[in-house]
Amino acid sequence: MSYLIDTVKIFETGKVQTYGPGEVIFQTGEQGTGMYGILAGEVEMQVDGQTVETLTSGNVFGIGAIVHPDHLRASTAIAKTNCQLAYMDREHFLFAVQQTPMFALEVMRSYSDRFRHLKAATVKAS
C-alpha cells in the first residue's frame, strides 16, 4: 500500500494538526469542511461507539464532509496514539484533484480498499 504514502505527501504542504491519545478529531453528525491524511500515528473510526476500523500512517479519512452536500460526519474519529494529521479543505482537495489526477484515484483506491475490508468482515460476522 505504498500508494497511500504518496497520496498523503500531497497533504504535507497543508495545515498539520496534532492530537494526543483519546482526543476526538471529529464526531458523528458534525458539519465538516475537510478531510485528513495521517502523517504519523493511528486513528480509530467509530460508529455508534464501536470501533469499525483503525487507520494508520498513509491513510486518508473524512472525505465525506467534502463530497456530500450536507457536509455531515458519518463517524467519529479519535486519535488512538499521538497523531500528526494533515488537513485539506474542499478548495485544496479540488485543486489537488485538478492538478494531480492520480491523487483522486489514490483516494478512491484507499476508500475502496477499506470498503472491501469492511464487507469481508461483515460477511465473516454473519
N, C-alpha and C. Protein backbone atom coordinates (compact mmCIF):
# COMPACT_ATOMS: atom_id res chain seq x y z
N MET A 1 0.81 -1.19 0.00
CA MET A 1 0.00 0.00 0.00
C MET A 1 0.86 1.27 0.00
N SER A 2 1.96 1.22 -0.72
CA SER A 2 2.84 2.38 -0.79
C SER A 2 2.16 3.56 -1.46
N TYR A 3 1.13 3.31 -2.27
CA TYR A 3 0.42 4.41 -2.91
C TYR A 3 -0.20 5.35 -1.88
N LEU A 4 -0.55 4.82 -0.69
CA LEU A 4 -1.14 5.67 0.34
C LEU A 4 -0.14 6.71 0.83
N ILE A 5 1.10 6.30 0.99
CA ILE A 5 2.12 7.24 1.45
C ILE A 5 2.26 8.36 0.42
N ASP A 6 2.27 8.03 -0.86
CA ASP A 6 2.37 9.04 -1.90
C ASP A 6 1.17 9.98 -1.87
N THR A 7 0.01 9.44 -1.61
CA THR A 7 -1.20 10.25 -1.54
C THR A 7 -1.11 11.25 -0.41
N VAL A 8 -0.67 10.81 0.75
CA VAL A 8 -0.59 11.69 1.91
C VAL A 8 0.49 12.75 1.73
N LYS A 9 1.50 12.50 0.91
CA LYS A 9 2.53 13.51 0.67
C LYS A 9 1.93 14.80 0.11
N ILE A 10 0.86 14.68 -0.67
CA ILE A 10 0.19 15.86 -1.21
C ILE A 10 -0.34 16.73 -0.07
N PHE A 11 -0.72 16.09 1.04
CA PHE A 11 -1.24 16.81 2.19
C PHE A 11 -0.17 17.61 2.93
N GLU A 12 1.08 17.18 2.85
CA GLU A 12 2.12 17.73 3.70
C GLU A 12 2.32 19.23 3.58
N THR A 13 1.91 19.81 2.47
CA THR A 13 2.04 21.25 2.31
C THR A 13 0.90 22.00 2.98
N GLY A 14 -0.10 21.26 3.45
CA GLY A 14 -1.25 21.87 4.09
C GLY A 14 -1.06 22.07 5.58
N LYS A 15 -2.15 22.31 6.23
CA LYS A 15 -2.18 22.57 7.66
C LYS A 15 -2.00 21.26 8.43
N VAL A 16 -0.96 21.19 9.28
CA VAL A 16 -0.71 19.99 10.07
C VAL A 16 -1.24 20.20 11.48
N GLN A 17 -2.00 19.21 11.95
CA GLN A 17 -2.58 19.26 13.29
C GLN A 17 -2.09 18.07 14.10
N THR A 18 -1.95 18.26 15.40
CA THR A 18 -1.52 17.16 16.26
C THR A 18 -2.63 16.85 17.27
N TYR A 19 -2.75 15.57 17.59
CA TYR A 19 -3.74 15.09 18.54
C TYR A 19 -3.08 14.07 19.45
N GLY A 20 -3.46 14.06 20.72
CA GLY A 20 -2.97 13.07 21.67
C GLY A 20 -3.93 11.91 21.78
N PRO A 21 -3.48 10.80 22.36
CA PRO A 21 -4.34 9.62 22.51
C PRO A 21 -5.67 9.98 23.18
N GLY A 22 -6.75 9.54 22.58
CA GLY A 22 -8.09 9.77 23.12
C GLY A 22 -8.74 11.07 22.68
N GLU A 23 -8.00 11.94 22.02
CA GLU A 23 -8.60 13.20 21.57
C GLU A 23 -9.53 12.96 20.38
N VAL A 24 -10.68 13.62 20.41
CA VAL A 24 -11.65 13.50 19.34
C VAL A 24 -11.26 14.46 18.21
N ILE A 25 -11.15 13.92 17.01
CA ILE A 25 -10.83 14.72 15.83
C ILE A 25 -12.11 15.31 15.26
N PHE A 26 -13.13 14.49 15.13
CA PHE A 26 -14.47 14.95 14.79
C PHE A 26 -15.47 13.90 15.24
N GLN A 27 -16.76 14.32 15.35
CA GLN A 27 -17.81 13.44 15.83
C GLN A 27 -18.92 13.28 14.80
N THR A 28 -19.59 12.14 14.89
CA THR A 28 -20.75 11.87 14.05
C THR A 28 -21.74 13.02 14.15
N GLY A 29 -22.25 13.45 13.00
CA GLY A 29 -23.26 14.48 12.96
C GLY A 29 -22.72 15.90 12.86
N GLU A 30 -21.43 16.08 13.12
CA GLU A 30 -20.86 17.42 12.99
C GLU A 30 -20.74 17.81 11.52
N GLN A 31 -20.79 19.10 11.28
CA GLN A 31 -20.51 19.61 9.93
C GLN A 31 -19.00 19.61 9.77
N GLY A 32 -18.54 19.15 8.63
CA GLY A 32 -17.12 19.15 8.35
C GLY A 32 -16.82 19.93 7.09
N THR A 33 -15.62 20.45 7.04
CA THR A 33 -15.23 21.23 5.87
C THR A 33 -13.99 20.66 5.18
N GLY A 34 -13.49 19.53 5.67
CA GLY A 34 -12.29 18.98 5.05
C GLY A 34 -12.03 17.54 5.42
N MET A 35 -10.92 17.05 4.89
CA MET A 35 -10.50 15.67 5.12
C MET A 35 -9.10 15.68 5.72
N TYR A 36 -8.65 14.51 6.14
CA TYR A 36 -7.37 14.38 6.81
C TYR A 36 -6.52 13.29 6.17
N GLY A 37 -5.22 13.47 6.24
CA GLY A 37 -4.26 12.45 5.87
C GLY A 37 -3.39 12.19 7.09
N ILE A 38 -3.17 10.92 7.40
CA ILE A 38 -2.39 10.57 8.60
C ILE A 38 -0.91 10.57 8.24
N LEU A 39 -0.17 11.51 8.80
CA LEU A 39 1.27 11.57 8.60
C LEU A 39 1.98 10.65 9.58
N ALA A 40 1.46 10.56 10.80
CA ALA A 40 2.03 9.69 11.82
C ALA A 40 0.94 9.36 12.83
N GLY A 41 0.95 8.14 13.36
CA GLY A 41 0.02 7.72 14.39
C GLY A 41 -1.10 6.85 13.87
N GLU A 42 -2.07 6.60 14.77
CA GLU A 42 -3.22 5.77 14.46
C GLU A 42 -4.51 6.48 14.87
N VAL A 43 -5.54 6.30 14.06
CA VAL A 43 -6.85 6.92 14.30
C VAL A 43 -7.90 5.83 14.28
N GLU A 44 -8.76 5.83 15.29
CA GLU A 44 -9.88 4.90 15.34
C GLU A 44 -11.11 5.58 14.76
N MET A 45 -11.80 4.86 13.90
CA MET A 45 -13.06 5.33 13.34
C MET A 45 -14.17 4.56 14.05
N GLN A 46 -15.12 5.31 14.63
CA GLN A 46 -16.18 4.70 15.40
C GLN A 46 -17.55 5.05 14.84
N VAL A 47 -18.46 4.07 14.94
CA VAL A 47 -19.87 4.27 14.59
C VAL A 47 -20.66 3.75 15.78
N ASP A 48 -21.53 4.59 16.31
CA ASP A 48 -22.33 4.23 17.49
C ASP A 48 -21.46 3.73 18.64
N GLY A 49 -20.31 4.35 18.84
CA GLY A 49 -19.43 4.00 19.95
C GLY A 49 -18.59 2.75 19.74
N GLN A 50 -18.74 2.11 18.59
CA GLN A 50 -17.98 0.90 18.28
C GLN A 50 -16.88 1.21 17.27
N THR A 51 -15.67 0.76 17.54
CA THR A 51 -14.58 0.96 16.59
C THR A 51 -14.81 0.04 15.39
N VAL A 52 -14.88 0.64 14.20
CA VAL A 52 -15.10 -0.14 12.98
C VAL A 52 -13.81 -0.33 12.20
N GLU A 53 -12.82 0.53 12.45
CA GLU A 53 -11.52 0.36 11.83
C GLU A 53 -10.50 1.25 12.51
N THR A 54 -9.24 0.84 12.39
CA THR A 54 -8.12 1.64 12.88
C THR A 54 -7.25 1.98 11.69
N LEU A 55 -7.04 3.26 11.48
CA LEU A 55 -6.27 3.74 10.33
C LEU A 55 -4.87 4.11 10.79
N THR A 56 -3.91 3.92 9.90
CA THR A 56 -2.51 4.20 10.23
C THR A 56 -1.91 5.19 9.23
N SER A 57 -0.67 5.50 9.45
CA SER A 57 0.06 6.45 8.61
C SER A 57 -0.13 6.11 7.13
N GLY A 58 -0.45 7.13 6.36
CA GLY A 58 -0.67 6.94 4.92
C GLY A 58 -2.13 6.90 4.54
N ASN A 59 -3.03 6.63 5.51
CA ASN A 59 -4.46 6.60 5.21
C ASN A 59 -5.05 8.00 5.20
N VAL A 60 -6.17 8.13 4.50
CA VAL A 60 -6.93 9.37 4.48
C VAL A 60 -8.33 9.06 5.01
N PHE A 61 -8.96 10.08 5.61
CA PHE A 61 -10.31 9.89 6.14
C PHE A 61 -11.02 11.23 6.22
N GLY A 62 -12.34 11.17 6.31
CA GLY A 62 -13.14 12.37 6.46
C GLY A 62 -13.58 13.02 5.17
N ILE A 63 -13.41 12.33 4.05
CA ILE A 63 -13.73 12.93 2.76
C ILE A 63 -15.23 13.13 2.56
N GLY A 64 -16.04 12.39 3.31
CA GLY A 64 -17.49 12.53 3.18
C GLY A 64 -17.96 13.96 3.37
N ALA A 65 -17.30 14.69 4.26
CA ALA A 65 -17.68 16.08 4.51
C ALA A 65 -17.43 16.97 3.30
N ILE A 66 -16.54 16.54 2.44
CA ILE A 66 -16.23 17.30 1.23
C ILE A 66 -17.19 16.95 0.10
N VAL A 67 -17.53 15.68 -0.03
CA VAL A 67 -18.27 15.24 -1.21
C VAL A 67 -19.79 15.17 -1.03
N HIS A 68 -20.28 15.14 0.21
CA HIS A 68 -21.73 15.11 0.43
C HIS A 68 -22.27 16.51 0.63
N PRO A 69 -23.42 16.81 0.03
CA PRO A 69 -23.98 18.16 0.12
C PRO A 69 -24.26 18.64 1.55
N ASP A 70 -24.59 17.71 2.47
CA ASP A 70 -24.90 18.14 3.84
C ASP A 70 -23.66 18.37 4.68
N HIS A 71 -22.50 17.91 4.22
CA HIS A 71 -21.21 18.09 4.90
C HIS A 71 -21.17 17.48 6.30
N LEU A 72 -22.04 16.50 6.57
CA LEU A 72 -22.10 15.89 7.90
C LEU A 72 -21.14 14.72 8.02
N ARG A 73 -20.56 14.59 9.20
CA ARG A 73 -19.68 13.46 9.50
C ARG A 73 -20.54 12.24 9.79
N ALA A 74 -20.18 11.09 9.20
CA ALA A 74 -20.93 9.85 9.39
C ALA A 74 -20.31 8.94 10.44
N SER A 75 -19.17 9.36 10.99
CA SER A 75 -18.49 8.57 12.01
C SER A 75 -17.75 9.52 12.94
N THR A 76 -17.20 8.94 13.99
CA THR A 76 -16.38 9.69 14.94
C THR A 76 -14.94 9.23 14.76
N ALA A 77 -14.03 10.18 14.69
CA ALA A 77 -12.60 9.88 14.55
C ALA A 77 -11.91 10.27 15.85
N ILE A 78 -11.16 9.31 16.41
CA ILE A 78 -10.47 9.53 17.68
C ILE A 78 -9.01 9.10 17.53
N ALA A 79 -8.10 9.93 18.00
CA ALA A 79 -6.68 9.58 17.96
C ALA A 79 -6.45 8.41 18.92
N LYS A 80 -5.89 7.33 18.40
CA LYS A 80 -5.58 6.17 19.23
C LYS A 80 -4.20 6.35 19.87
N THR A 81 -3.31 7.00 19.13
CA THR A 81 -1.95 7.29 19.60
C THR A 81 -1.70 8.77 19.34
N ASN A 82 -0.51 9.24 19.67
CA ASN A 82 -0.14 10.58 19.25
C ASN A 82 -0.20 10.62 17.73
N CYS A 83 -0.89 11.61 17.20
CA CYS A 83 -1.10 11.68 15.76
C CYS A 83 -0.65 13.03 15.20
N GLN A 84 -0.16 12.94 14.00
CA GLN A 84 0.14 14.13 13.22
C GLN A 84 -0.70 13.99 11.95
N LEU A 85 -1.64 14.90 11.79
CA LEU A 85 -2.59 14.83 10.68
C LEU A 85 -2.47 16.07 9.80
N ALA A 86 -2.52 15.84 8.51
CA ALA A 86 -2.57 16.96 7.57
C ALA A 86 -4.03 17.16 7.18
N TYR A 87 -4.44 18.40 7.16
CA TYR A 87 -5.83 18.75 6.89
C TYR A 87 -5.93 19.38 5.51
N MET A 88 -6.98 18.98 4.76
CA MET A 88 -7.20 19.55 3.42
C MET A 88 -8.67 19.94 3.31
N ASP A 89 -8.94 21.21 3.05
CA ASP A 89 -10.32 21.65 2.87
C ASP A 89 -10.77 21.36 1.44
N ARG A 90 -12.04 21.61 1.17
CA ARG A 90 -12.63 21.30 -0.14
C ARG A 90 -11.92 22.02 -1.27
N GLU A 91 -11.59 23.29 -1.08
CA GLU A 91 -10.91 24.06 -2.12
C GLU A 91 -9.57 23.43 -2.50
N HIS A 92 -8.79 23.05 -1.49
CA HIS A 92 -7.49 22.44 -1.76
C HIS A 92 -7.64 21.02 -2.34
N PHE A 93 -8.68 20.32 -1.90
CA PHE A 93 -8.95 19.00 -2.45
C PHE A 93 -9.24 19.10 -3.95
N LEU A 94 -10.12 20.03 -4.33
CA LEU A 94 -10.46 20.19 -5.74
C LEU A 94 -9.23 20.61 -6.55
N PHE A 95 -8.39 21.45 -5.99
CA PHE A 95 -7.16 21.85 -6.66
C PHE A 95 -6.24 20.64 -6.85
N ALA A 96 -6.08 19.82 -5.79
CA ALA A 96 -5.22 18.63 -5.87
C ALA A 96 -5.74 17.66 -6.93
N VAL A 97 -7.06 17.48 -6.99
CA VAL A 97 -7.65 16.58 -7.99
C VAL A 97 -7.40 17.12 -9.40
N GLN A 98 -7.55 18.43 -9.57
CA GLN A 98 -7.35 19.03 -10.89
C GLN A 98 -5.88 18.98 -11.31
N GLN A 99 -4.98 19.30 -10.41
CA GLN A 99 -3.57 19.37 -10.75
C GLN A 99 -2.88 18.01 -10.75
N THR A 100 -3.40 17.08 -9.95
CA THR A 100 -2.80 15.75 -9.83
C THR A 100 -3.91 14.71 -9.89
N PRO A 101 -4.38 14.37 -11.08
CA PRO A 101 -5.49 13.41 -11.18
C PRO A 101 -5.24 12.08 -10.47
N MET A 102 -3.99 11.67 -10.37
CA MET A 102 -3.68 10.42 -9.67
C MET A 102 -4.06 10.53 -8.19
N PHE A 103 -4.04 11.73 -7.65
CA PHE A 103 -4.44 11.93 -6.26
C PHE A 103 -5.87 11.43 -6.05
N ALA A 104 -6.77 11.82 -6.92
CA ALA A 104 -8.17 11.39 -6.81
C ALA A 104 -8.27 9.88 -6.91
N LEU A 105 -7.55 9.29 -7.83
CA LEU A 105 -7.57 7.84 -7.99
C LEU A 105 -7.06 7.14 -6.73
N GLU A 106 -6.00 7.66 -6.14
CA GLU A 106 -5.43 7.05 -4.94
C GLU A 106 -6.36 7.19 -3.74
N VAL A 107 -7.05 8.33 -3.62
CA VAL A 107 -8.02 8.49 -2.54
C VAL A 107 -9.16 7.49 -2.73
N MET A 108 -9.64 7.35 -3.96
CA MET A 108 -10.71 6.38 -4.23
C MET A 108 -10.23 4.96 -3.94
N ARG A 109 -9.00 4.65 -4.28
CA ARG A 109 -8.46 3.31 -4.02
C ARG A 109 -8.39 3.06 -2.52
N SER A 110 -7.95 4.05 -1.77
CA SER A 110 -7.89 3.91 -0.32
C SER A 110 -9.26 3.58 0.26
N TYR A 111 -10.27 4.32 -0.17
CA TYR A 111 -11.62 4.07 0.32
C TYR A 111 -12.16 2.74 -0.17
N SER A 112 -11.84 2.37 -1.39
CA SER A 112 -12.28 1.08 -1.91
C SER A 112 -11.66 -0.07 -1.12
N ASP A 113 -10.36 0.03 -0.81
CA ASP A 113 -9.70 -1.00 -0.01
C ASP A 113 -10.36 -1.14 1.36
N ARG A 114 -10.67 0.00 1.96
CA ARG A 114 -11.30 -0.02 3.28
C ARG A 114 -12.70 -0.59 3.20
N PHE A 115 -13.45 -0.27 2.15
CA PHE A 115 -14.80 -0.79 1.98
C PHE A 115 -14.77 -2.30 1.76
N ARG A 116 -13.82 -2.77 0.96
CA ARG A 116 -13.69 -4.21 0.74
C ARG A 116 -13.40 -4.94 2.05
N HIS A 117 -12.53 -4.36 2.85
CA HIS A 117 -12.19 -4.95 4.15
C HIS A 117 -13.43 -5.00 5.04
N LEU A 118 -14.21 -3.92 5.05
CA LEU A 118 -15.42 -3.87 5.85
C LEU A 118 -16.44 -4.91 5.38
N LYS A 119 -16.59 -5.04 4.07
CA LYS A 119 -17.53 -6.05 3.53
C LYS A 119 -17.09 -7.45 3.93
N ALA A 120 -15.79 -7.73 3.82
CA ALA A 120 -15.28 -9.06 4.18
C ALA A 120 -15.51 -9.33 5.66
N ALA A 121 -15.30 -8.33 6.51
CA ALA A 121 -15.52 -8.50 7.95
C ALA A 121 -16.99 -8.71 8.24
N THR A 122 -17.88 -8.06 7.51
CA THR A 122 -19.31 -8.21 7.71
C THR A 122 -19.76 -9.62 7.34
N VAL A 123 -19.22 -10.15 6.26
CA VAL A 123 -19.58 -11.50 5.83
C VAL A 123 -19.10 -12.52 6.86
N LYS A 124 -17.90 -12.33 7.40
CA LYS A 124 -17.36 -13.26 8.40
C LYS A 124 -18.20 -13.22 9.68
N ALA A 125 -18.72 -12.05 10.02
CA ALA A 125 -19.52 -11.90 11.25
C ALA A 125 -20.91 -12.52 11.12
N SER A 126 -21.37 -12.71 9.89
CA SER A 126 -22.73 -13.25 9.67
C SER A 126 -22.82 -14.72 9.99
